[in-house]
Amino acid sequence: MQRGDNAQAETKNSLREMNQMVERGAQMAADINIELTKQIEQLDRMADRVKDTDSVLKKAQKNITYFARAMECDMCMAGLLVLILLCLVAVIVLAVKKNSS
């Protein structure tokens, strides 16, 4: 009878220890879930920042393209202005030579 009581007490102690271990495991899992939730939120914020940065980069690329085209247009206009000035100089030189002759 004593042997049965001892076996029963050992079983109860083992069950109590197993319950404590399960509770610690459950608490650890809850803590891990909280940390994972925080990390997921942080990743979401980072993803939002990346999307914002991507949007800003696209806008900047559009502006750079616009300014590059504007500069090309300005260069063409400056070239045409130089050609006009050369033509004016040529016309003046021809007019002066014609009047001299």
Protein backbone atom coordinates (compact mmCIF):
# COMPACT_ATOMS: atom_id res chain seq x y z
CA MET A 1 0.00 0.00 0.00
CA GLN A 2 2.87 2.29 0.89
CA ARG A 3 4.42 1.51 -2.48
CA GLY A 4 1.19 2.51 -4.28
CA ASP A 5 1.01 5.76 -2.31
CA ASN A 6 4.63 6.53 -3.20
CA ALA A 7 3.95 5.79 -6.88
CA GLN A 8 0.86 7.98 -6.76
CA ALA A 9 2.80 10.82 -5.08
CA GLU A 10 5.57 10.54 -7.68
CA THR A 11 3.00 10.61 -10.45
CA LYS A 12 1.36 13.71 -8.92
CA ASN A 13 4.75 15.41 -8.63
CA SER A 14 5.58 14.49 -12.22
CA LEU A 15 2.21 15.83 -13.38
CA ARG A 16 2.72 19.05 -11.39
CA GLU A 17 6.18 19.49 -12.93
CA MET A 18 4.79 18.78 -16.39
CA ASN A 19 2.03 21.35 -15.82
CA GLN A 20 4.59 23.91 -14.71
CA MET A 21 6.70 23.14 -17.77
CA VAL A 22 3.65 23.48 -20.02
CA GLU A 23 2.76 26.80 -18.35
CA ARG A 24 6.33 28.07 -18.82
CA GLY A 25 6.18 26.93 -22.45
CA ALA A 26 2.84 28.66 -22.93
CA GLN A 27 4.21 31.86 -21.35
CA MET A 28 7.30 31.66 -23.54
CA ALA A 29 5.11 31.15 -26.62
CA ALA A 30 2.99 34.17 -25.63
CA ASP A 31 6.14 36.28 -25.19
CA ILE A 32 7.44 35.10 -28.56
CA ASN A 33 4.09 35.98 -30.17
CA ILE A 34 4.26 39.46 -28.67
CA GLU A 35 7.80 39.94 -29.99
CA LEU A 36 6.80 38.62 -33.41
CA THR A 37 3.85 41.01 -33.49
CA LYS A 38 6.20 43.91 -32.68
CA GLN A 39 8.60 42.81 -35.39
CA ILE A 40 5.77 42.46 -37.92
CA GLU A 41 4.60 45.99 -37.07
CA GLN A 42 8.16 47.26 -37.47
CA LEU A 43 8.44 45.51 -40.85
CA ASP A 44 5.13 47.05 -41.92
CA ARG A 45 6.43 50.52 -40.99
CA MET A 46 9.63 49.85 -42.90
CA ALA A 47 7.63 48.67 -45.93
CA ASP A 48 5.58 51.88 -45.77
CA ARG A 49 8.79 53.93 -45.68
CA VAL A 50 10.13 52.02 -48.66
CA LYS A 51 6.90 52.69 -50.56
CA ASP A 52 7.13 56.40 -49.65
CA THR A 53 10.77 56.48 -50.74
CA ASP A 54 9.88 54.71 -53.98
CA SER A 55 7.17 57.29 -54.62
CA VAL A 56 9.60 60.14 -53.97
CA LEU A 57 12.18 58.54 -56.26
CA LYS A 58 9.62 58.21 -59.05
CA LYS A 59 8.69 61.87 -58.67
CA ALA A 60 12.36 62.85 -58.68
CA GLN A 61 12.96 60.76 -61.80
CA LYS A 62 10.08 62.52 -63.55
CA ASN A 63 11.48 65.92 -62.54
CA ILE A 64 14.97 65.00 -63.71
CA THR A 65 13.58 63.81 -67.04
CA TYR A 66 11.61 67.06 -67.38
CA PHE A 67 14.67 69.20 -66.63
CA ALA A 68 16.85 67.17 -68.99
CA ARG A 69 14.35 67.74 -71.80
CA ALA A 70 14.12 71.42 -70.90
CA MET A 71 17.92 71.70 -71.07
CA GLU A 72 17.96 69.97 -74.47
CA CYS A 73 15.37 72.46 -75.66
CA ASP A 74 17.41 75.35 -74.25
CA MET A 75 20.53 74.05 -76.02
CA CYS A 76 18.62 73.90 -79.30
CA MET A 77 17.35 77.42 -78.78
CA ALA A 78 20.87 78.66 -77.97
CA GLY A 79 22.16 76.98 -81.14
CA LEU A 80 19.46 78.62 -83.22
CA LEU A 81 20.27 81.98 -81.62
CA VAL A 82 23.94 81.55 -82.54
CA LEU A 83 22.93 80.69 -86.13
CA ILE A 84 20.72 83.78 -86.29
CA LEU A 85 23.57 85.97 -85.03
CA LEU A 86 25.93 84.45 -87.60
CA CYS A 87 23.39 85.13 -90.34
CA LEU A 88 23.01 88.73 -89.16
CA VAL A 89 26.78 89.20 -89.18
CA ALA A 90 26.94 87.68 -92.66
CA VAL A 91 24.13 89.93 -93.92
CA ILE A 92 25.84 92.99 -92.44
CA VAL A 93 29.19 92.02 -93.95
CA LEU A 94 27.57 91.44 -97.36
CA ALA A 95 25.69 94.74 -97.14
CA VAL A 96 28.89 96.60 -96.24
CA LYS A 97 30.81 94.93 -99.11
CA LYS A 98 28.01 95.63 -101.58
CA ASN A 99 27.90 99.32 -100.58
CA SER A 100 31.72 99.54 -100.76
CA SER A 101 31.86 98.21 -104.26
